[in-house]
């Protein structure tokens, strides 16, 4: 199969409602789901990948000692989430970053939880990288082959990067997920 240029379409159906914080309303349309076509050598077909972004891409939980009166999301059986201006600003680039994964040279990293994957890039913030955590599963919907949920995205110090156990090419990972093959990474 030949390599194709990354393609994506942005769905126009609102996914997240606007958020108000400190009297300012923040539009979240940039985090509407996107669809991407991936030319997979592994599966010998073009795969339809549907990507959604969780509220953790623009919210955070408060650490002990922090306080805020503006709960943005109440999550069942979890801590409340609060709007984070820094995560929100960085989230504006998420659709483009995710679309850029559709290249044969891009690798992603399996986290130590073995449940999700990590892609990171340098930020304009001194000494920090933007960590994007996602879960990937085969889809059973007729309009998509694979579903990716971007579970969280936030900056960390380059000196405190998340622990990973190995890497894999993103396009290969998508093909393996579609074929229900093991996604064991090289250590």
C-alpha atoms as a PDB file:
ATOM      1  CA  UNK A   1       0.000   0.000   0.000  1.00  0.00           C
ATOM      2  CA  UNK A   2       1.148   3.514  -0.614  1.00  0.00           C
ATOM      3  CA  UNK A   3       1.349   6.197   1.995  1.00  0.00           C
ATOM      4  CA  UNK A   4      -1.469   8.708   1.830  1.00  0.00           C
ATOM      5  CA  UNK A   5      -1.534  12.234   3.089  1.00  0.00           C
ATOM      6  CA  UNK A   6      -3.227  12.650   6.468  1.00  0.00           C
ATOM      7  CA  UNK A   7      -6.900  13.313   5.963  1.00  0.00           C
ATOM      8  CA  UNK A   8      -9.434  14.334   8.512  1.00  0.00           C
ATOM      9  CA  UNK A   9     -12.845  15.894   8.639  1.00  0.00           C
ATOM     10  CA  UNK A  10     -14.267  17.807  11.520  1.00  0.00           C
ATOM     11  CA  UNK A  11     -17.811  16.882  12.490  1.00  0.00           C
ATOM     12  CA  UNK A  12     -20.018  19.923  13.007  1.00  0.00           C
ATOM     13  CA  UNK A  13     -22.190  18.394  15.724  1.00  0.00           C
ATOM     14  CA  UNK A  14     -21.365  20.071  19.066  1.00  0.00           C
ATOM     15  CA  UNK A  15     -19.690  17.619  21.420  1.00  0.00           C
ATOM     16  CA  UNK A  16     -18.897  19.814  24.442  1.00  0.00           C
ATOM     17  CA  UNK A  17     -21.049  22.722  25.534  1.00  0.00           C
ATOM     18  CA  UNK A  18     -19.296  26.063  26.047  1.00  0.00           C
ATOM     19  CA  UNK A  19     -17.782  26.530  29.505  1.00  0.00           C
ATOM     20  CA  UNK A  20     -17.960  29.687  31.608  1.00  0.00           C
ATOM     21  CA  UNK A  21     -15.127  30.510  33.967  1.00  0.00           C
ATOM     22  CA  UNK A  22     -14.582  33.787  35.813  1.00  0.00           C
ATOM     23  CA  UNK A  23     -17.304  35.407  33.715  1.00  0.00           C
ATOM     24  CA  UNK A  24     -15.742  34.393  30.370  1.00  0.00           C
ATOM     25  CA  UNK A  25     -17.402  31.905  28.023  1.00  0.00           C
ATOM     26  CA  UNK A  26     -15.043  29.453  26.303  1.00  0.00           C
ATOM     27  CA  UNK A  27     -16.108  27.812  23.045  1.00  0.00           C
ATOM     28  CA  UNK A  28     -15.109  24.150  22.719  1.00  0.00           C
ATOM     29  CA  UNK A  29     -15.998  23.534  19.068  1.00  0.00           C
ATOM     30  CA  UNK A  30     -12.349  22.802  18.290  1.00  0.00           C
ATOM     31  CA  UNK A  31     -12.815  19.608  20.342  1.00  0.00           C
ATOM     32  CA  UNK A  32     -15.665  18.266  18.245  1.00  0.00           C
ATOM     33  CA  UNK A  33     -14.992  14.688  17.095  1.00  0.00           C
ATOM     34  CA  UNK A  34     -12.904  14.219  13.975  1.00  0.00           C
ATOM     35  CA  UNK A  35     -12.707  11.389  11.459  1.00  0.00           C
ATOM     36  CA  UNK A  36      -9.475  10.268   9.861  1.00  0.00           C
ATOM     37  CA  UNK A  37      -8.709   7.743   7.107  1.00  0.00           C
ATOM     38  CA  UNK A  38      -5.589   5.645   7.627  1.00  0.00           C
ATOM     39  CA  UNK A  39      -4.054   3.561   4.856  1.00  0.00           C
ATOM     40  CA  UNK A  40      -3.097   0.472   6.855  1.00  0.00           C
ATOM     41  CA  UNK A  41      -0.604  -1.974   5.356  1.00  0.00           C
ATOM     42  CA  UNK A  42      -1.287  -4.271   8.308  1.00  0.00           C
ATOM     43  CA  UNK A  43      -5.006  -4.615   7.555  1.00  0.00           C
ATOM     44  CA  UNK A  44      -4.592  -4.124   3.799  1.00  0.00           C
ATOM     45  CA  UNK A  45      -7.315  -1.493   3.699  1.00  0.00           C
ATOM     46  CA  UNK A  46      -8.089   2.106   4.490  1.00  0.00           C
ATOM     47  CA  UNK A  47      -9.393   2.298   8.036  1.00  0.00           C
ATOM     48  CA  UNK A  48     -11.964   4.806   9.246  1.00  0.00           C
ATOM     49  CA  UNK A  49     -10.846   6.210  12.587  1.00  0.00           C
ATOM     50  CA  UNK A  50     -13.188   8.263  14.761  1.00  0.00           C
ATOM     51  CA  UNK A  51     -11.557  10.488  17.405  1.00  0.00           C
ATOM     52  CA  UNK A  52     -13.284  12.068  20.406  1.00  0.00           C
ATOM     53  CA  UNK A  53     -11.816  14.357  23.063  1.00  0.00           C
ATOM     54  CA  UNK A  54     -12.693  14.071  26.753  1.00  0.00           C
ATOM     55  CA  UNK A  55     -13.212  17.023  29.083  1.00  0.00           C
ATOM     56  CA  UNK A  56      -9.840  16.231  30.674  1.00  0.00           C
ATOM     57  CA  UNK A  57      -8.263  18.036  27.700  1.00  0.00           C
ATOM     58  CA  UNK A  58      -9.454  21.381  29.128  1.00  0.00           C
ATOM     59  CA  UNK A  59     -10.141  20.631  32.809  1.00  0.00           C
ATOM     60  CA  UNK A  60      -8.129  19.375  35.758  1.00  0.00           C
ATOM     61  CA  UNK A  61      -8.722  18.038  39.231  1.00  0.00           C
ATOM     62  CA  UNK A  62      -7.619  20.155  42.148  1.00  0.00           C
ATOM     63  CA  UNK A  63      -4.671  19.055  44.210  1.00  0.00           C
ATOM     64  CA  UNK A  64      -4.811  19.031  48.002  1.00  0.00           C
ATOM     65  CA  UNK A  65      -4.839  22.596  49.284  1.00  0.00           C
ATOM     66  CA  UNK A  66      -6.174  24.112  46.044  1.00  0.00           C
ATOM     67  CA  UNK A  67      -9.675  25.506  45.845  1.00  0.00           C
ATOM     68  CA  UNK A  68     -12.081  26.761  43.210  1.00  0.00           C
ATOM     69  CA  UNK A  69     -15.747  27.663  43.291  1.00  0.00           C
ATOM     70  CA  UNK A  70     -16.295  26.761  39.632  1.00  0.00           C
ATOM     71  CA  UNK A  71     -16.934  23.063  39.154  1.00  0.00           C
ATOM     72  CA  UNK A  72     -17.123  22.485  35.416  1.00  0.00           C
ATOM     73  CA  UNK A  73     -17.899  18.777  35.418  1.00  0.00           C
ATOM     74  CA  UNK A  74     -19.178  16.468  38.084  1.00  0.00           C
ATOM     75  CA  UNK A  75     -17.975  12.999  37.196  1.00  0.00           C
ATOM     76  CA  UNK A  76     -19.747   9.977  38.558  1.00  0.00           C
ATOM     77  CA  UNK A  77     -17.576   8.223  41.177  1.00  0.00           C
ATOM     78  CA  UNK A  78     -14.659  10.575  40.449  1.00  0.00           C
ATOM     79  CA  UNK A  79     -13.332  13.914  41.567  1.00  0.00           C
ATOM     80  CA  UNK A  80     -14.905  17.084  40.217  1.00  0.00           C
ATOM     81  CA  UNK A  81     -13.129  18.709  37.286  1.00  0.00           C
ATOM     82  CA  UNK A  82     -12.279  22.411  37.049  1.00  0.00           C
ATOM     83  CA  UNK A  83     -11.619  24.570  34.004  1.00  0.00           C
ATOM     84  CA  UNK A  84      -7.901  24.985  33.249  1.00  0.00           C
ATOM     85  CA  UNK A  85      -7.019  27.946  30.977  1.00  0.00           C
ATOM     86  CA  UNK A  86      -3.611  26.456  30.139  1.00  0.00           C
ATOM     87  CA  UNK A  87      -5.081  23.094  29.083  1.00  0.00           C
ATOM     88  CA  UNK A  88      -7.788  24.923  27.152  1.00  0.00           C
ATOM     89  CA  UNK A  89      -5.243  27.005  25.209  1.00  0.00           C
ATOM     90  CA  UNK A  90      -3.147  23.936  24.394  1.00  0.00           C
ATOM     91  CA  UNK A  91      -6.269  21.972  23.397  1.00  0.00           C
ATOM     92  CA  UNK A  92      -6.774  24.278  20.419  1.00  0.00           C
ATOM     93  CA  UNK A  93      -3.955  22.415  18.661  1.00  0.00           C
ATOM     94  CA  UNK A  94      -5.210  18.894  19.517  1.00  0.00           C
ATOM     95  CA  UNK A  95      -7.114  18.159  16.268  1.00  0.00           C
ATOM     96  CA  UNK A  96      -4.063  19.107  14.194  1.00  0.00           C
ATOM     97  CA  UNK A  97      -1.707  17.120  16.431  1.00  0.00           C
ATOM     98  CA  UNK A  98      -3.919  14.028  16.282  1.00  0.00           C
ATOM     99  CA  UNK A  99      -4.229  14.336  12.485  1.00  0.00           C
ATOM    100  CA  UNK A 100      -0.420  14.512  12.243  1.00  0.00           C
ATOM    101  CA  UNK A 101      -0.158  11.020  13.777  1.00  0.00           C
ATOM    102  CA  UNK A 102      -1.221   9.655  10.383  1.00  0.00           C
ATOM    103  CA  UNK A 103       2.359   9.295   9.109  1.00  0.00           C
ATOM    104  CA  UNK A 104       4.440   6.130   8.837  1.00  0.00           C
ATOM    105  CA  UNK A 105       7.312   7.589  10.911  1.00  0.00           C
ATOM    106  CA  UNK A 106       5.211   8.649  13.918  1.00  0.00           C
ATOM    107  CA  UNK A 107       5.594   6.487  17.014  1.00  0.00           C
ATOM    108  CA  UNK A 108       3.409   6.444  20.090  1.00  0.00           C
ATOM    109  CA  UNK A 109       4.269   5.053  23.508  1.00  0.00           C
ATOM    110  CA  UNK A 110       2.413   2.510  25.610  1.00  0.00           C
ATOM    111  CA  UNK A 111       1.976   3.717  29.172  1.00  0.00           C
ATOM    112  CA  UNK A 112       2.812   1.517  32.128  1.00  0.00           C
ATOM    113  CA  UNK A 113      -0.917   1.009  32.761  1.00  0.00           C
ATOM    114  CA  UNK A 114      -1.009  -0.805  29.368  1.00  0.00           C
ATOM    115  CA  UNK A 115      -4.467   0.687  28.933  1.00  0.00           C
ATOM    116  CA  UNK A 116      -3.585   3.795  27.005  1.00  0.00           C
ATOM    117  CA  UNK A 117      -0.983   5.364  24.751  1.00  0.00           C
ATOM    118  CA  UNK A 118       1.010   8.584  24.798  1.00  0.00           C
ATOM    119  CA  UNK A 119       2.134  11.046  22.171  1.00  0.00           C
ATOM    120  CA  UNK A 120       4.113  14.082  23.288  1.00  0.00           C
ATOM    121  CA  UNK A 121       5.449  17.220  21.646  1.00  0.00           C
ATOM    122  CA  UNK A 122       7.478  20.205  22.776  1.00  0.00           C
ATOM    123  CA  UNK A 123       5.518  23.282  23.841  1.00  0.00           C
ATOM    124  CA  UNK A 124       6.242  26.981  23.715  1.00  0.00           C
ATOM    125  CA  UNK A 125       6.247  26.849  27.528  1.00  0.00           C
ATOM    126  CA  UNK A 126       9.821  26.717  28.843  1.00  0.00           C
ATOM    127  CA  UNK A 127      11.031  23.196  29.550  1.00  0.00           C
ATOM    128  CA  UNK A 128       7.644  21.555  29.090  1.00  0.00           C
ATOM    129  CA  UNK A 129       6.182  18.965  26.767  1.00  0.00           C
ATOM    130  CA  UNK A 130       2.529  18.455  25.886  1.00  0.00           C
ATOM    131  CA  UNK A 131       1.477  14.911  26.787  1.00  0.00           C
ATOM    132  CA  UNK A 132      -1.534  13.521  24.952  1.00  0.00           C
ATOM    133  CA  UNK A 133      -2.985  10.306  26.376  1.00  0.00           C
ATOM    134  CA  UNK A 134      -5.401   8.258  24.332  1.00  0.00           C
ATOM    135  CA  UNK A 135      -7.239   4.969  24.392  1.00  0.00           C
ATOM    136  CA  UNK A 136      -7.717   3.079  21.135  1.00  0.00           C
ATOM    137  CA  UNK A 137     -10.278   0.327  20.479  1.00  0.00           C
ATOM    138  CA  UNK A 138     -11.811  -1.507  17.585  1.00  0.00           C
ATOM    139  CA  UNK A 139     -15.237  -0.036  16.900  1.00  0.00           C
ATOM    140  CA  UNK A 140     -18.408  -1.986  16.324  1.00  0.00           C
ATOM    141  CA  UNK A 141     -20.203   0.923  14.672  1.00  0.00           C
ATOM    142  CA  UNK A 142     -20.865   0.655  10.936  1.00  0.00           C
ATOM    143  CA  UNK A 143     -19.430   4.123  10.208  1.00  0.00           C
ATOM    144  CA  UNK A 144     -16.020   3.583  11.856  1.00  0.00           C
ATOM    145  CA  UNK A 145     -13.419   0.837  12.160  1.00  0.00           C
ATOM    146  CA  UNK A 146     -11.400   2.174  15.103  1.00  0.00           C
ATOM    147  CA  UNK A 147     -12.261   4.660  17.845  1.00  0.00           C
ATOM    148  CA  UNK A 148      -9.723   6.813  19.656  1.00  0.00           C
ATOM    149  CA  UNK A 149     -10.614   8.663  22.829  1.00  0.00           C
ATOM    150  CA  UNK A 150      -8.174  11.391  23.768  1.00  0.00           C
ATOM    151  CA  UNK A 151      -8.515  10.931  27.496  1.00  0.00           C
ATOM    152  CA  UNK A 152      -6.276  13.733  28.685  1.00  0.00           C
ATOM    153  CA  UNK A 153      -3.737  16.250  27.465  1.00  0.00           C
ATOM    154  CA  UNK A 154      -1.583  18.502  29.595  1.00  0.00           C
ATOM    155  CA  UNK A 155       1.926  19.974  29.852  1.00  0.00           C
ATOM    156  CA  UNK A 156       4.593  18.421  32.071  1.00  0.00           C
ATOM    157  CA  UNK A 157       8.191  19.251  32.782  1.00  0.00           C
ATOM    158  CA  UNK A 158      10.518  17.607  30.270  1.00  0.00           C
ATOM    159  CA  UNK A 159      12.343  16.250  33.337  1.00  0.00           C
ATOM    160  CA  UNK A 160       9.195  14.477  34.617  1.00  0.00           C
ATOM    161  CA  UNK A 161       7.862  12.687  31.570  1.00  0.00           C
ATOM    162  CA  UNK A 162       5.323   9.891  32.139  1.00  0.00           C
ATOM    163  CA  UNK A 163       6.635   6.333  32.422  1.00  0.00           C
ATOM    164  CA  UNK A 164       6.261   4.236  29.281  1.00  0.00           C
ATOM    165  CA  UNK A 165       7.101   0.624  28.465  1.00  0.00           C
ATOM    166  CA  UNK A 166       7.713   0.756  24.725  1.00  0.00           C
ATOM    167  CA  UNK A 167       6.806   2.328  21.413  1.00  0.00           C
ATOM    168  CA  UNK A 168       4.994   1.382  18.221  1.00  0.00           C
ATOM    169  CA  UNK A 169       4.260   3.128  14.948  1.00  0.00           C
ATOM    170  CA  UNK A 170       0.860   4.785  15.157  1.00  0.00           C
ATOM    171  CA  UNK A 171      -0.355   3.423  11.804  1.00  0.00           C
ATOM    172  CA  UNK A 172       0.767  -0.100  12.787  1.00  0.00           C
ATOM    173  CA  UNK A 173      -1.064   0.258  16.130  1.00  0.00           C
ATOM    174  CA  UNK A 174      -4.297   1.230  14.376  1.00  0.00           C
ATOM    175  CA  UNK A 175      -4.009  -1.811  12.092  1.00  0.00           C
ATOM    176  CA  UNK A 176      -3.318  -4.164  14.999  1.00  0.00           C
ATOM    177  CA  UNK A 177      -6.287  -2.812  16.950  1.00  0.00           C
ATOM    178  CA  UNK A 178      -8.542  -3.297  13.939  1.00  0.00           C
ATOM    179  CA  UNK A 179      -7.327  -6.890  13.481  1.00  0.00           C
ATOM    180  CA  UNK A 180      -7.585  -7.609  17.234  1.00  0.00           C
ATOM    181  CA  UNK A 181      -3.872  -8.449  17.347  1.00  0.00           C
ATOM    182  CA  UNK A 182      -1.711  -8.039  20.461  1.00  0.00           C
ATOM    183  CA  UNK A 183      -0.138  -4.618  20.836  1.00  0.00           C
ATOM    184  CA  UNK A 184       2.956  -5.680  22.729  1.00  0.00           C
ATOM    185  CA  UNK A 185       5.647  -3.038  22.415  1.00  0.00           C
ATOM    186  CA  UNK A 186       9.401  -3.326  22.151  1.00  0.00           C
ATOM    187  CA  UNK A 187      11.093  -2.774  25.475  1.00  0.00           C
END
